Amino acid sequence: MSVAADDLEFPNGTVITADGGTLIVAESLGQRLTAFDISAGGGLSNRRVWAGLKPHRIGPDGICLDTSGAVWVANAVSTTAVRVAEGGELLDTVRFSQPCIACMLGGPDGRELFAMTAPTAMPAEASASARGRIESARVGVGHADLP
């Protein structure tokens, strides 16, 4: 085992771009998506902010890619999942009934956004009752080849 990157502020969801060349990490407490180039040998380099989310008050949790290269972000501090372009522009927002913990595009044409929601992410409270849900919403763009 080796450390590929450090100084991440609560790393959470990860995706790899369709070309296999970039790893994007959701930093929940850092309120950003951070990207790394992936070398042929699997090493990471060229660390950079892919999208700053602090101005939008987004605490990214689970993430997924769509066919345009945008990232859908589960916003654990809100009842939303947002679609974000590289650079941080918000492209779309979908509201759910509870805070959104993770998301994934799927369905027959890849345009169904499935969201894992729960009333809280606090372990003691979340384990006290089974109130988690999988909710879904139809969106305008499909899933990428890789999650």
C-alpha atoms as a PDB file:
ATOM      1  CA  MET A   1       0.000   0.000   0.000  1.00  0.00           C
ATOM      2  CA  SER A   2       1.134   3.559  -0.705  1.00  0.00           C
ATOM      3  CA  VAL A   3      -0.350   7.015  -0.235  1.00  0.00           C
ATOM      4  CA  ALA A   4      -1.341   8.446  -3.621  1.00  0.00           C
ATOM      5  CA  ALA A   5      -2.615  11.788  -2.246  1.00  0.00           C
ATOM      6  CA  ASP A   6      -2.980  13.403   1.165  1.00  0.00           C
ATOM      7  CA  ASP A   7      -4.349  16.580   2.753  1.00  0.00           C
ATOM      8  CA  LEU A   8      -7.870  15.837   1.501  1.00  0.00           C
ATOM      9  CA  GLU A   9     -10.742  17.300   3.549  1.00  0.00           C
ATOM     10  CA  PHE A  10     -12.996  14.284   4.150  1.00  0.00           C
ATOM     11  CA  PRO A  11     -12.661  12.574   0.757  1.00  0.00           C
ATOM     12  CA  ASN A  12     -15.831  10.851  -0.296  1.00  0.00           C
ATOM     13  CA  GLY A  13     -17.258  10.003  -3.737  1.00  0.00           C
ATOM     14  CA  THR A  14     -14.868   9.314  -6.610  1.00  0.00           C
ATOM     15  CA  VAL A  15     -15.186   8.952 -10.373  1.00  0.00           C
ATOM     16  CA  ILE A  16     -12.803   8.289 -13.229  1.00  0.00           C
ATOM     17  CA  THR A  17     -13.411  10.086 -16.517  1.00  0.00           C
ATOM     18  CA  ALA A  18     -14.411   8.029 -19.564  1.00  0.00           C
ATOM     19  CA  ASP A  19     -10.901   8.296 -21.056  1.00  0.00           C
ATOM     20  CA  GLY A  20      -9.447   6.831 -17.840  1.00  0.00           C
ATOM     21  CA  GLY A  21      -7.107   9.793 -17.459  1.00  0.00           C
ATOM     22  CA  THR A  22      -8.606  11.747 -14.568  1.00  0.00           C
ATOM     23  CA  LEU A  23      -9.729  10.858 -11.042  1.00  0.00           C
ATOM     24  CA  ILE A  24     -12.211  13.303  -9.480  1.00  0.00           C
ATOM     25  CA  VAL A  25     -12.728  13.200  -5.701  1.00  0.00           C
ATOM     26  CA  ALA A  26     -15.535  14.840  -3.708  1.00  0.00           C
ATOM     27  CA  GLU A  27     -14.079  16.545  -0.639  1.00  0.00           C
ATOM     28  CA  SER A  28     -17.098  16.886   1.647  1.00  0.00           C
ATOM     29  CA  LEU A  29     -15.600  19.235   4.233  1.00  0.00           C
ATOM     30  CA  GLY A  30     -13.499  21.059   1.637  1.00  0.00           C
ATOM     31  CA  GLN A  31     -16.658  21.773  -0.383  1.00  0.00           C
ATOM     32  CA  ARG A  32     -14.929  21.043  -3.665  1.00  0.00           C
ATOM     33  CA  LEU A  33     -14.259  18.457  -6.334  1.00  0.00           C
ATOM     34  CA  THR A  34     -10.545  17.785  -6.708  1.00  0.00           C
ATOM     35  CA  ALA A  35      -9.024  16.233  -9.838  1.00  0.00           C
ATOM     36  CA  PHE A  36      -5.820  14.280 -10.423  1.00  0.00           C
ATOM     37  CA  ASP A  37      -4.264  13.031 -13.637  1.00  0.00           C
ATOM     38  CA  ILE A  38      -3.830   9.248 -13.629  1.00  0.00           C
ATOM     39  CA  SER A  39      -0.535   8.004 -15.089  1.00  0.00           C
ATOM     40  CA  ALA A  40      -0.170   4.821 -17.130  1.00  0.00           C
ATOM     41  CA  GLY A  41       1.220   3.166 -14.001  1.00  0.00           C
ATOM     42  CA  GLY A  42      -1.704   4.304 -11.858  1.00  0.00           C
ATOM     43  CA  GLY A  43       0.016   7.175 -10.056  1.00  0.00           C
ATOM     44  CA  LEU A  44      -1.700  10.496  -9.430  1.00  0.00           C
ATOM     45  CA  SER A  45      -0.320  13.913 -10.378  1.00  0.00           C
ATOM     46  CA  ASN A  46      -1.386  17.446 -11.287  1.00  0.00           C
ATOM     47  CA  ARG A  47      -3.713  17.935  -8.329  1.00  0.00           C
ATOM     48  CA  ARG A  48      -6.213  20.752  -8.977  1.00  0.00           C
ATOM     49  CA  VAL A  49      -9.617  22.046  -7.959  1.00  0.00           C
ATOM     50  CA  TRP A  50     -12.042  20.739 -10.578  1.00  0.00           C
ATOM     51  CA  ALA A  51     -14.978  22.669  -9.088  1.00  0.00           C
ATOM     52  CA  GLY A  52     -15.180  24.881  -6.002  1.00  0.00           C
ATOM     53  CA  LEU A  53     -18.566  24.347  -4.362  1.00  0.00           C
ATOM     54  CA  LYS A  54     -18.312  26.542  -1.258  1.00  0.00           C
ATOM     55  CA  PRO A  55     -20.023  29.559  -2.912  1.00  0.00           C
ATOM     56  CA  HIS A  56     -23.018  27.306  -3.617  1.00  0.00           C
ATOM     57  CA  ARG A  57     -23.087  25.840  -0.075  1.00  0.00           C
ATOM     58  CA  ILE A  58     -22.663  22.307  -1.371  1.00  0.00           C
ATOM     59  CA  GLY A  59     -21.164  19.548   0.767  1.00  0.00           C
ATOM     60  CA  PRO A  60     -20.353  16.929  -1.868  1.00  0.00           C
ATOM     61  CA  ASP A  61     -20.865  13.320  -0.890  1.00  0.00           C
ATOM     62  CA  GLY A  62     -21.425  10.643  -3.556  1.00  0.00           C
ATOM     63  CA  ILE A  63     -20.849  11.648  -7.178  1.00  0.00           C
ATOM     64  CA  CYS A  64     -21.298  10.294 -10.712  1.00  0.00           C
ATOM     65  CA  LEU A  65     -20.399  11.373 -14.248  1.00  0.00           C
ATOM     66  CA  ASP A  66     -22.710  12.056 -17.166  1.00  0.00           C
ATOM     67  CA  THR A  67     -22.042  11.749 -20.905  1.00  0.00           C
ATOM     68  CA  SER A  68     -21.095  15.421 -21.231  1.00  0.00           C
ATOM     69  CA  GLY A  69     -18.345  15.110 -18.617  1.00  0.00           C
ATOM     70  CA  ALA A  70     -20.288  17.000 -15.951  1.00  0.00           C
ATOM     71  CA  VAL A  71     -20.475  15.589 -12.425  1.00  0.00           C
ATOM     72  CA  TRP A  72     -23.699  14.971 -10.527  1.00  0.00           C
ATOM     73  CA  VAL A  73     -23.070  15.719  -6.848  1.00  0.00           C
ATOM     74  CA  ALA A  74     -25.130  14.457  -3.921  1.00  0.00           C
ATOM     75  CA  ASN A  75     -25.358  17.429  -1.567  1.00  0.00           C
ATOM     76  CA  ALA A  76     -25.292  15.932   1.923  1.00  0.00           C
ATOM     77  CA  VAL A  77     -26.105  19.293   3.541  1.00  0.00           C
ATOM     78  CA  SER A  78     -29.263  19.753   1.484  1.00  0.00           C
ATOM     79  CA  THR A  79     -32.067  17.833  -0.172  1.00  0.00           C
ATOM     80  CA  THR A  80     -30.502  18.323  -3.596  1.00  0.00           C
ATOM     81  CA  ALA A  81     -28.296  16.700  -6.169  1.00  0.00           C
ATOM     82  CA  VAL A  82     -26.609  19.188  -8.470  1.00  0.00           C
ATOM     83  CA  ARG A  83     -24.983  18.849 -11.872  1.00  0.00           C
ATOM     84  CA  VAL A  84     -21.664  20.706 -11.998  1.00  0.00           C
ATOM     85  CA  ALA A  85     -19.356  21.573 -14.884  1.00  0.00           C
ATOM     86  CA  GLU A  86     -15.589  21.730 -14.566  1.00  0.00           C
ATOM     87  CA  GLY A  87     -14.868  25.156 -13.100  1.00  0.00           C
ATOM     88  CA  GLY A  88     -17.892  25.079 -10.774  1.00  0.00           C
ATOM     89  CA  GLU A  89     -20.830  26.264 -12.891  1.00  0.00           C
ATOM     90  CA  LEU A  90     -24.102  24.727 -11.676  1.00  0.00           C
ATOM     91  CA  LEU A  91     -25.928  23.228 -14.646  1.00  0.00           C
ATOM     92  CA  ASP A  92     -28.946  21.600 -12.990  1.00  0.00           C
ATOM     93  CA  THR A  93     -30.502  20.970  -9.580  1.00  0.00           C
ATOM     94  CA  VAL A  94     -32.877  18.200  -8.529  1.00  0.00           C
ATOM     95  CA  ARG A  95     -34.683  18.319  -5.178  1.00  0.00           C
ATOM     96  CA  PHE A  96     -35.475  15.255  -3.106  1.00  0.00           C
ATOM     97  CA  SER A  97     -37.418  14.737   0.130  1.00  0.00           C
ATOM     98  CA  GLN A  98     -34.362  14.254   2.391  1.00  0.00           C
ATOM     99  CA  PRO A  99     -30.644  15.091   2.351  1.00  0.00           C
ATOM    100  CA  CYS A 100     -28.951  13.417  -0.605  1.00  0.00           C
ATOM    101  CA  ILE A 101     -26.044  11.133   0.333  1.00  0.00           C
ATOM    102  CA  ALA A 102     -25.172   9.453  -2.981  1.00  0.00           C
ATOM    103  CA  CYS A 103     -26.379   9.469  -6.572  1.00  0.00           C
ATOM    104  CA  MET A 104     -26.029   7.464  -9.770  1.00  0.00           C
ATOM    105  CA  LEU A 105     -27.430   7.743 -13.274  1.00  0.00           C
ATOM    106  CA  GLY A 106     -29.082   4.644 -14.708  1.00  0.00           C
ATOM    107  CA  GLY A 107     -32.230   3.165 -16.153  1.00  0.00           C
ATOM    108  CA  PRO A 108     -32.778   1.967 -19.730  1.00  0.00           C
ATOM    109  CA  ASP A 109     -31.383   5.142 -21.326  1.00  0.00           C
ATOM    110  CA  GLY A 110     -29.158   6.278 -18.427  1.00  0.00           C
ATOM    111  CA  ARG A 111     -31.272   9.373 -17.720  1.00  0.00           C
ATOM    112  CA  GLU A 112     -32.749   8.348 -14.388  1.00  0.00           C
ATOM    113  CA  LEU A 113     -30.943   9.960 -11.446  1.00  0.00           C
ATOM    114  CA  PHE A 114     -31.146   7.626  -8.457  1.00  0.00           C
ATOM    115  CA  ALA A 115     -30.511   9.350  -5.123  1.00  0.00           C
ATOM    116  CA  MET A 116     -29.819   7.691  -1.790  1.00  0.00           C
ATOM    117  CA  THR A 117     -31.439   9.919   0.827  1.00  0.00           C
ATOM    118  CA  ALA A 118     -31.667   9.871   4.611  1.00  0.00           C
ATOM    119  CA  PRO A 119     -32.888  12.263   7.283  1.00  0.00           C
ATOM    120  CA  THR A 120     -29.358  12.490   8.712  1.00  0.00           C
ATOM    121  CA  ALA A 121     -25.822  11.228   8.176  1.00  0.00           C
ATOM    122  CA  MET A 122     -25.152  11.062  11.925  1.00  0.00           C
ATOM    123  CA  PRO A 123     -24.539   7.325  12.613  1.00  0.00           C
ATOM    124  CA  ALA A 124     -26.381   7.130  15.961  1.00  0.00           C
ATOM    125  CA  GLU A 125     -29.461   8.897  14.595  1.00  0.00           C
ATOM    126  CA  ALA A 126     -29.435   7.121  11.231  1.00  0.00           C
ATOM    127  CA  SER A 127     -29.271   3.690  12.853  1.00  0.00           C
ATOM    128  CA  ALA A 128     -32.188   4.467  15.195  1.00  0.00           C
ATOM    129  CA  SER A 129     -34.768   3.958  12.443  1.00  0.00           C
ATOM    130  CA  ALA A 130     -34.935   2.810   8.844  1.00  0.00           C
ATOM    131  CA  ARG A 131     -35.895   6.073   7.126  1.00  0.00           C
ATOM    132  CA  GLY A 132     -33.399   5.940   4.266  1.00  0.00           C
ATOM    133  CA  ARG A 133     -34.786   5.923   0.742  1.00  0.00           C
ATOM    134  CA  ILE A 134     -33.831   5.524  -2.872  1.00  0.00           C
ATOM    135  CA  GLU A 135     -35.543   8.306  -4.790  1.00  0.00           C
ATOM    136  CA  SER A 136     -35.328   9.006  -8.506  1.00  0.00           C
ATOM    137  CA  ALA A 137     -35.844  11.810 -10.984  1.00  0.00           C
ATOM    138  CA  ARG A 138     -35.716  12.025 -14.762  1.00  0.00           C
ATOM    139  CA  VAL A 139     -32.843  14.213 -16.036  1.00  0.00           C
ATOM    140  CA  GLY A 140     -31.812  15.461 -19.463  1.00  0.00           C
ATOM    141  CA  VAL A 141     -28.436  13.760 -19.851  1.00  0.00           C
ATOM    142  CA  GLY A 142     -27.356  10.130 -19.577  1.00  0.00           C
ATOM    143  CA  HIS A 143     -24.678   8.333 -17.617  1.00  0.00           C
ATOM    144  CA  ALA A 144     -21.036   8.050 -18.617  1.00  0.00           C
ATOM    145  CA  ASP A 145     -19.442   4.693 -19.311  1.00  0.00           C
ATOM    146  CA  LEU A 146     -17.684   4.687 -15.924  1.00  0.00           C
ATOM    147  CA  PRO A 147     -19.320   5.622 -12.599  1.00  0.00           C
END
